[in-house]
């Protein structure tokens, strides 16, 4: 009896000892299952985001490749355009005056023929030689005008430092002060731009001493004339 009681006391203790162990195993399984579920649920958005990022990366790489190709083409076109422009500039520099030269050749031919005629003519035909020279000069002036070359011949005009170069000043009673009384060398414009200024002599007002001496001379001349009369 006592032994059975002891056994019965043992059984509940064994069950109690076994029961917590079984519960812990179940909890661990449940806990593991929940963890896997949570991880699985958390992995889905990460995988989706990673996939989206990979897609965006591939798209970006494709655009980079396309833009690189466009850059290479644009750079090649720019280099070709620069090379062509340089060639055009070089050609313009070499042959830009071709038309002018073609128009000047007849004038040169006329001058050469005039020189030949001058060596073979006598004094009686000098007038014809002069007429021929005037014709050549007219041809040359017409050609210059055709290419926008204008002559600056400012005799009698007010002095303009933008187009005239004063070589000296000369006192004058006949011309207004600061006006051009003599053109030593004509100037020229190309389409309104100054190529060479006209070299001129500019009038200035005579000094008072010279004016008084000139007036005295005029009075003396007048007196002499009266006396002779």
C-alpha atoms as a PDB file:
ATOM      1  CA  UNK A   1       0.000   0.000   0.000  1.00  0.00           C
ATOM      2  CA  UNK A   2       2.687   2.326   0.835  1.00  0.00           C
ATOM      3  CA  UNK A   3       4.552   1.332  -2.259  1.00  0.00           C
ATOM      4  CA  UNK A   4       1.545   1.976  -4.484  1.00  0.00           C
ATOM      5  CA  UNK A   5       1.123   5.335  -2.905  1.00  0.00           C
ATOM      6  CA  UNK A   6       4.668   6.147  -3.654  1.00  0.00           C
ATOM      7  CA  UNK A   7       4.207   5.089  -7.268  1.00  0.00           C
ATOM      8  CA  UNK A   8       1.094   7.188  -7.569  1.00  0.00           C
ATOM      9  CA  UNK A   9       2.982  10.105  -6.187  1.00  0.00           C
ATOM     10  CA  UNK A  10       5.688   9.510  -8.735  1.00  0.00           C
ATOM     11  CA  UNK A  11       3.338   9.465 -11.716  1.00  0.00           C
ATOM     12  CA  UNK A  12       2.000  12.970 -11.339  1.00  0.00           C
ATOM     13  CA  UNK A  13       5.498  14.249 -10.854  1.00  0.00           C
ATOM     14  CA  UNK A  14       6.611  12.502 -14.026  1.00  0.00           C
ATOM     15  CA  UNK A  15       3.679  13.905 -15.926  1.00  0.00           C
ATOM     16  CA  UNK A  16       4.455  17.347 -14.603  1.00  0.00           C
ATOM     17  CA  UNK A  17       8.061  16.946 -15.602  1.00  0.00           C
ATOM     18  CA  UNK A  18       7.131  15.718 -19.067  1.00  0.00           C
ATOM     19  CA  UNK A  19       4.367  18.224 -19.658  1.00  0.00           C
ATOM     20  CA  UNK A  20       6.493  21.393 -19.633  1.00  0.00           C
ATOM     21  CA  UNK A  21       8.957  19.771 -21.992  1.00  0.00           C
ATOM     22  CA  UNK A  22       6.194  18.959 -24.467  1.00  0.00           C
ATOM     23  CA  UNK A  23       4.853  22.525 -24.170  1.00  0.00           C
ATOM     24  CA  UNK A  24       8.261  24.046 -24.781  1.00  0.00           C
ATOM     25  CA  UNK A  25       8.695  21.988 -27.943  1.00  0.00           C
ATOM     26  CA  UNK A  26       5.318  23.091 -29.266  1.00  0.00           C
ATOM     27  CA  UNK A  27       6.099  26.704 -28.476  1.00  0.00           C
ATOM     28  CA  UNK A  28       9.418  26.441 -30.237  1.00  0.00           C
ATOM     29  CA  UNK A  29       7.763  24.968 -33.311  1.00  0.00           C
ATOM     30  CA  UNK A  30       5.115  27.657 -33.290  1.00  0.00           C
ATOM     31  CA  UNK A  31       7.721  30.314 -32.714  1.00  0.00           C
ATOM     32  CA  UNK A  32       9.817  28.958 -35.577  1.00  0.00           C
ATOM     33  CA  UNK A  33       6.819  28.837 -37.852  1.00  0.00           C
ATOM     34  CA  UNK A  34       5.885  32.398 -36.983  1.00  0.00           C
ATOM     35  CA  UNK A  35       9.448  33.607 -37.578  1.00  0.00           C
ATOM     36  CA  UNK A  36       9.602  31.971 -40.992  1.00  0.00           C
ATOM     37  CA  UNK A  37       6.247  33.465 -41.885  1.00  0.00           C
ATOM     38  CA  UNK A  38       7.360  36.914 -40.751  1.00  0.00           C
ATOM     39  CA  UNK A  39      10.640  36.625 -42.642  1.00  0.00           C
ATOM     40  CA  UNK A  40       8.837  35.381 -45.694  1.00  0.00           C
ATOM     41  CA  UNK A  41       6.378  38.230 -45.500  1.00  0.00           C
ATOM     42  CA  UNK A  42       9.250  40.679 -45.039  1.00  0.00           C
ATOM     43  CA  UNK A  43      11.262  39.234 -47.964  1.00  0.00           C
ATOM     44  CA  UNK A  44       8.507  39.792 -50.508  1.00  0.00           C
ATOM     45  CA  UNK A  45       8.640  43.636 -50.541  1.00  0.00           C
ATOM     46  CA  UNK A  46      12.444  43.579 -50.475  1.00  0.00           C
ATOM     47  CA  UNK A  47      12.580  41.267 -53.444  1.00  0.00           C
ATOM     48  CA  UNK A  48      10.054  43.432 -55.272  1.00  0.00           C
ATOM     49  CA  UNK A  49      12.054  46.585 -54.517  1.00  0.00           C
ATOM     50  CA  UNK A  50      15.302  44.867 -55.506  1.00  0.00           C
ATOM     51  CA  UNK A  51      13.742  43.752 -58.757  1.00  0.00           C
ATOM     52  CA  UNK A  52      12.497  47.291 -59.426  1.00  0.00           C
ATOM     53  CA  UNK A  53      15.944  48.705 -58.718  1.00  0.00           C
ATOM     54  CA  UNK A  54      17.543  46.192 -61.073  1.00  0.00           C
ATOM     55  CA  UNK A  55      15.065  47.174 -63.773  1.00  0.00           C
ATOM     56  CA  UNK A  56      15.773  50.860 -63.239  1.00  0.00           C
ATOM     57  CA  UNK A  57      19.500  50.157 -63.357  1.00  0.00           C
ATOM     58  CA  UNK A  58      19.177  48.330 -66.655  1.00  0.00           C
ATOM     59  CA  UNK A  59      17.088  51.194 -68.050  1.00  0.00           C
ATOM     60  CA  UNK A  60      19.674  53.706 -66.856  1.00  0.00           C
ATOM     61  CA  UNK A  61      22.485  51.687 -68.454  1.00  0.00           C
ATOM     62  CA  UNK A  62      20.568  51.577 -71.720  1.00  0.00           C
ATOM     63  CA  UNK A  63      20.058  55.349 -71.646  1.00  0.00           C
ATOM     64  CA  UNK A  64      23.719  55.876 -70.811  1.00  0.00           C
ATOM     65  CA  UNK A  65      24.730  53.786 -73.814  1.00  0.00           C
ATOM     66  CA  UNK A  66      22.313  55.695 -76.052  1.00  0.00           C
ATOM     67  CA  UNK A  67      23.531  59.070 -74.790  1.00  0.00           C
ATOM     68  CA  UNK A  68      27.149  57.988 -75.247  1.00  0.00           C
ATOM     69  CA  UNK A  69      26.432  57.063 -78.859  1.00  0.00           C
ATOM     70  CA  UNK A  70      24.719  60.415 -79.387  1.00  0.00           C
ATOM     71  CA  UNK A  71      27.701  62.196 -77.846  1.00  0.00           C
ATOM     72  CA  UNK A  72      30.157  60.388 -80.092  1.00  0.00           C
ATOM     73  CA  UNK A  73      28.090  61.243 -83.173  1.00  0.00           C
ATOM     74  CA  UNK A  74      27.699  64.877 -82.145  1.00  0.00           C
ATOM     75  CA  UNK A  75      31.411  65.145 -81.412  1.00  0.00           C
ATOM     76  CA  UNK A  76      32.255  63.639 -84.802  1.00  0.00           C
ATOM     77  CA  UNK A  77      29.846  66.021 -86.549  1.00  0.00           C
ATOM     78  CA  UNK A  78      31.401  68.973 -84.709  1.00  0.00           C
ATOM     79  CA  UNK A  79      34.910  67.928 -85.694  1.00  0.00           C
ATOM     80  CA  UNK A  80      33.841  67.523 -89.324  1.00  0.00           C
ATOM     81  CA  UNK A  81      32.107  70.916 -89.320  1.00  0.00           C
ATOM     82  CA  UNK A  82      35.191  72.551 -87.790  1.00  0.00           C
ATOM     83  CA  UNK A  83      37.430  70.923 -90.371  1.00  0.00           C
ATOM     84  CA  UNK A  84      35.180  72.035 -93.234  1.00  0.00           C
ATOM     85  CA  UNK A  85      35.033  75.585 -91.853  1.00  0.00           C
ATOM     86  CA  UNK A  86      38.817  75.726 -91.646  1.00  0.00           C
ATOM     87  CA  UNK A  87      39.089  74.495 -95.212  1.00  0.00           C
ATOM     88  CA  UNK A  88      36.563  77.103 -96.379  1.00  0.00           C
ATOM     89  CA  UNK A  89      38.467  79.858 -94.589  1.00  0.00           C
ATOM     90  CA  UNK A  90      41.717  78.705 -96.150  1.00  0.00           C
ATOM     91  CA  UNK A  91      40.124  78.644 -99.605  1.00  0.00           C
ATOM     92  CA  UNK A  92      38.612  82.087 -99.086  1.00  0.00           C
ATOM     93  CA  UNK A  93      41.991  83.391 -98.003  1.00  0.00           C
ATOM     94  CA  UNK A  94      43.701  81.964-101.064  1.00  0.00           C
ATOM     95  CA  UNK A  95      41.071  82.559-103.725  1.00  0.00           C
ATOM     96  CA  UNK A  96      38.845  85.311-102.296  1.00  0.00           C
ATOM     97  CA  UNK A  97      40.406  87.862-104.660  1.00  0.00           C
ATOM     98  CA  UNK A  98      40.045  85.672-107.735  1.00  0.00           C
ATOM     99  CA  UNK A  99      37.236  87.768-109.215  1.00  0.00           C
ATOM    100  CA  UNK A 100      39.090  90.995-108.518  1.00  0.00           C
ATOM    101  CA  UNK A 101      42.196  89.654-110.225  1.00  0.00           C
ATOM    102  CA  UNK A 102      40.139  88.660-113.265  1.00  0.00           C
ATOM    103  CA  UNK A 103      38.807  92.220-113.520  1.00  0.00           C
ATOM    104  CA  UNK A 104      42.251  93.770-113.037  1.00  0.00           C
ATOM    105  CA  UNK A 105      43.935  91.733-115.783  1.00  0.00           C
ATOM    106  CA  UNK A 106      42.423  93.744-118.697  1.00  0.00           C
ATOM    107  CA  UNK A 107      43.680  96.947-117.059  1.00  0.00           C
ATOM    108  CA  UNK A 108      47.182  95.497-116.782  1.00  0.00           C
ATOM    109  CA  UNK A 109      46.995  94.413-120.418  1.00  0.00           C
ATOM    110  CA  UNK A 110      45.989  97.936-121.441  1.00  0.00           C
ATOM    111  CA  UNK A 111      48.868  99.483-119.503  1.00  0.00           C
ATOM    112  CA  UNK A 112      51.352  97.112-121.122  1.00  0.00           C
ATOM    113  CA  UNK A 113      49.988  97.901-124.597  1.00  0.00           C
ATOM    114  CA  UNK A 114      50.163 101.605-123.763  1.00  0.00           C
ATOM    115  CA  UNK A 115      53.845 101.283-122.797  1.00  0.00           C
ATOM    116  CA  UNK A 116      54.593  99.456-126.045  1.00  0.00           C
ATOM    117  CA  UNK A 117      52.803 102.164-128.004  1.00  0.00           C
ATOM    118  CA  UNK A 118      54.725 104.879-126.146  1.00  0.00           C
ATOM    119  CA  UNK A 119      58.065 103.450-127.282  1.00  0.00           C
ATOM    120  CA  UNK A 120      56.904 103.265-130.887  1.00  0.00           C
ATOM    121  CA  UNK A 121      55.163 106.627-131.197  1.00  0.00           C
ATOM    122  CA  UNK A 122      56.468 110.066-132.103  1.00  0.00           C
ATOM    123  CA  UNK A 123      55.661 113.409-130.602  1.00  0.00           C
ATOM    124  CA  UNK A 124      52.711 113.895-132.902  1.00  0.00           C
ATOM    125  CA  UNK A 125      50.857 110.951-131.313  1.00  0.00           C
ATOM    126  CA  UNK A 126      51.395 111.978-127.684  1.00  0.00           C
ATOM    127  CA  UNK A 127      47.830 113.193-127.538  1.00  0.00           C
ATOM    128  CA  UNK A 128      46.570 109.708-128.452  1.00  0.00           C
ATOM    129  CA  UNK A 129      48.786 108.213-125.748  1.00  0.00           C
ATOM    130  CA  UNK A 130      47.309 110.644-123.241  1.00  0.00           C
ATOM    131  CA  UNK A 131      43.794 109.701-124.281  1.00  0.00           C
ATOM    132  CA  UNK A 132      44.662 106.019-123.928  1.00  0.00           C
ATOM    133  CA  UNK A 133      46.019 106.610-120.419  1.00  0.00           C
ATOM    134  CA  UNK A 134      42.841 108.400-119.417  1.00  0.00           C
ATOM    135  CA  UNK A 135      40.810 105.457-120.721  1.00  0.00           C
ATOM    136  CA  UNK A 136      42.885 103.019-118.648  1.00  0.00           C
ATOM    137  CA  UNK A 137      42.427 105.173-115.548  1.00  0.00           C
ATOM    138  CA  UNK A 138      38.679 105.188-116.109  1.00  0.00           C
ATOM    139  CA  UNK A 139      38.672 101.401-116.455  1.00  0.00           C
ATOM    140  CA  UNK A 140      40.578 101.092-113.193  1.00  0.00           C
ATOM    141  CA  UNK A 141      38.268 103.525-111.358  1.00  0.00           C
ATOM    142  CA  UNK A 142      35.185 101.666-112.586  1.00  0.00           C
ATOM    143  CA  UNK A 143      36.634  98.367-111.370  1.00  0.00           C
ATOM    144  CA  UNK A 144      37.384  99.830-107.953  1.00  0.00           C
ATOM    145  CA  UNK A 145      33.862 101.210-107.699  1.00  0.00           C
ATOM    146  CA  UNK A 146      32.481  97.799-108.645  1.00  0.00           C
ATOM    147  CA  UNK A 147      34.159  96.282-105.593  1.00  0.00           C
ATOM    148  CA  UNK A 148      33.005  98.994-103.199  1.00  0.00           C
ATOM    149  CA  UNK A 149      36.231 101.009-103.230  1.00  0.00           C
ATOM    150  CA  UNK A 150      35.567 104.728-102.887  1.00  0.00           C
ATOM    151  CA  UNK A 151      38.026 107.552-103.423  1.00  0.00           C
ATOM    152  CA  UNK A 152      38.556 110.164-100.713  1.00  0.00           C
ATOM    153  CA  UNK A 153      39.412 113.459-102.460  1.00  0.00           C
ATOM    154  CA  UNK A 154      38.515 116.181 -99.941  1.00  0.00           C
ATOM    155  CA  UNK A 155      39.906 119.303-101.585  1.00  0.00           C
ATOM    156  CA  UNK A 156      37.926 122.334-100.370  1.00  0.00           C
ATOM    157  CA  UNK A 157      36.115 120.294 -97.706  1.00  0.00           C
ATOM    158  CA  UNK A 158      36.449 120.728 -93.930  1.00  0.00           C
ATOM    159  CA  UNK A 159      39.235 118.690 -92.400  1.00  0.00           C
ATOM    160  CA  UNK A 160      37.968 115.374 -90.977  1.00  0.00           C
ATOM    161  CA  UNK A 161      40.506 113.483 -88.831  1.00  0.00           C
ATOM    162  CA  UNK A 162      38.586 110.235 -89.332  1.00  0.00           C
ATOM    163  CA  UNK A 163      39.361 110.201 -93.075  1.00  0.00           C
ATOM    164  CA  UNK A 164      42.125 112.795 -93.517  1.00  0.00           C
ATOM    165  CA  UNK A 165      45.725 112.926 -92.374  1.00  0.00           C
ATOM    166  CA  UNK A 166      47.078 116.461 -92.038  1.00  0.00           C
ATOM    167  CA  UNK A 167      50.636 116.686 -93.325  1.00  0.00           C
ATOM    168  CA  UNK A 168      51.025 120.416 -92.652  1.00  0.00           C
ATOM    169  CA  UNK A 169      49.197 123.668 -92.001  1.00  0.00           C
ATOM    170  CA  UNK A 170      49.314 126.537 -94.431  1.00  0.00           C
ATOM    171  CA  UNK A 171      48.109 130.083 -93.904  1.00  0.00           C
ATOM    172  CA  UNK A 172      45.578 131.197 -96.451  1.00  0.00           C
ATOM    173  CA  UNK A 173      43.348 134.208 -96.970  1.00  0.00           C
ATOM    174  CA  UNK A 174      41.359 132.543 -99.735  1.00  0.00           C
ATOM    175  CA  UNK A 175      40.311 129.339 -97.954  1.00  0.00           C
ATOM    176  CA  UNK A 176      38.408 128.949 -94.717  1.00  0.00           C
ATOM    177  CA  UNK A 177      40.487 127.905 -91.696  1.00  0.00           C
ATOM    178  CA  UNK A 178      40.591 124.157 -91.025  1.00  0.00           C
ATOM    179  CA  UNK A 179      39.671 123.338 -94.615  1.00  0.00           C
ATOM    180  CA  UNK A 180      41.676 121.209 -97.041  1.00  0.00           C
ATOM    181  CA  UNK A 181      43.522 123.331 -99.580  1.00  0.00           C
ATOM    182  CA  UNK A 182      45.736 120.631-101.124  1.00  0.00           C
ATOM    183  CA  UNK A 183      45.408 116.856-101.466  1.00  0.00           C
ATOM    184  CA  UNK A 184      48.870 115.323-101.573  1.00  0.00           C
ATOM    185  CA  UNK A 185      47.600 111.740-101.799  1.00  0.00           C
ATOM    186  CA  UNK A 186      44.033 110.529-102.160  1.00  0.00           C
ATOM    187  CA  UNK A 187      42.511 108.195 -99.618  1.00  0.00           C
ATOM    188  CA  UNK A 188      40.289 105.147-100.160  1.00  0.00           C
ATOM    189  CA  UNK A 189      37.375 103.403 -98.448  1.00  0.00           C
ATOM    190  CA  UNK A 190      36.318  99.779 -98.805  1.00  0.00           C
ATOM    191  CA  UNK A 191      32.567  99.457 -98.258  1.00  0.00           C
ATOM    192  CA  UNK A 192      32.687 102.436 -95.919  1.00  0.00           C
ATOM    193  CA  UNK A 193      35.765 101.252 -93.993  1.00  0.00           C
ATOM    194  CA  UNK A 194      38.868 103.403 -94.219  1.00  0.00           C
ATOM    195  CA  UNK A 195      41.705 101.672 -96.068  1.00  0.00           C
ATOM    196  CA  UNK A 196      44.021 104.666 -96.414  1.00  0.00           C
ATOM    197  CA  UNK A 197      43.475 108.238 -95.225  1.00  0.00           C
ATOM    198  CA  UNK A 198      43.893 111.140 -97.593  1.00  0.00           C
ATOM    199  CA  UNK A 199      47.122 113.086 -96.993  1.00  0.00           C
ATOM    200  CA  UNK A 200      46.230 116.762 -97.056  1.00  0.00           C
ATOM    201  CA  UNK A 201      47.416 120.267 -96.330  1.00  0.00           C
ATOM    202  CA  UNK A 202      45.045 122.203 -94.092  1.00  0.00           C
ATOM    203  CA  UNK A 203      44.403 125.925 -94.205  1.00  0.00           C
ATOM    204  CA  UNK A 204      44.818 128.078 -91.150  1.00  0.00           C
ATOM    205  CA  UNK A 205      44.076 131.715 -90.449  1.00  0.00           C
ATOM    206  CA  UNK A 206      47.000 134.068 -91.166  1.00  0.00           C
ATOM    207  CA  UNK A 207      48.645 135.795 -88.226  1.00  0.00           C
ATOM    208  CA  UNK A 208      47.860 139.454 -87.544  1.00  0.00           C
ATOM    209  CA  UNK A 209      51.362 140.601 -88.523  1.00  0.00           C
ATOM    210  CA  UNK A 210      51.031 139.081 -91.983  1.00  0.00           C
ATOM    211  CA  UNK A 211      47.523 140.431 -92.374  1.00  0.00           C
ATOM    212  CA  UNK A 212      48.703 143.949 -91.496  1.00  0.00           C
ATOM    213  CA  UNK A 213      51.740 143.658 -93.785  1.00  0.00           C
ATOM    214  CA  UNK A 214      49.537 142.461 -96.615  1.00  0.00           C
ATOM    215  CA  UNK A 215      47.133 145.358 -96.038  1.00  0.00           C
ATOM    216  CA  UNK A 216      50.100 147.760 -95.990  1.00  0.00           C
ATOM    217  CA  UNK A 217      51.359 146.317 -99.244  1.00  0.00           C
ATOM    218  CA  UNK A 218      47.943 146.711-100.776  1.00  0.00           C
ATOM    219  CA  UNK A 219      47.820 150.361 -99.648  1.00  0.00           C
ATOM    220  CA  UNK A 220      51.324 150.967-101.017  1.00  0.00           C
ATOM    221  CA  UNK A 221      50.378 149.463-104.337  1.00  0.00           C
ATOM    222  CA  UNK A 222      47.283 151.631-104.425  1.00  0.00           C
ATOM    223  CA  UNK A 223      49.298 154.775-103.610  1.00  0.00           C
ATOM    224  CA  UNK A 224      51.826 154.033-106.316  1.00  0.00           C
ATOM    225  CA  UNK A 225      49.066 153.586-108.823  1.00  0.00           C
ATOM    226  CA  UNK A 226      47.519 156.922-107.817  1.00  0.00           C
ATOM    227  CA  UNK A 227      50.856 158.697-108.073  1.00  0.00           C
ATOM    228  CA  UNK A 228      51.463 157.314-111.532  1.00  0.00           C
ATOM    229  CA  UNK A 229      48.024 158.395-112.548  1.00  0.00           C
END
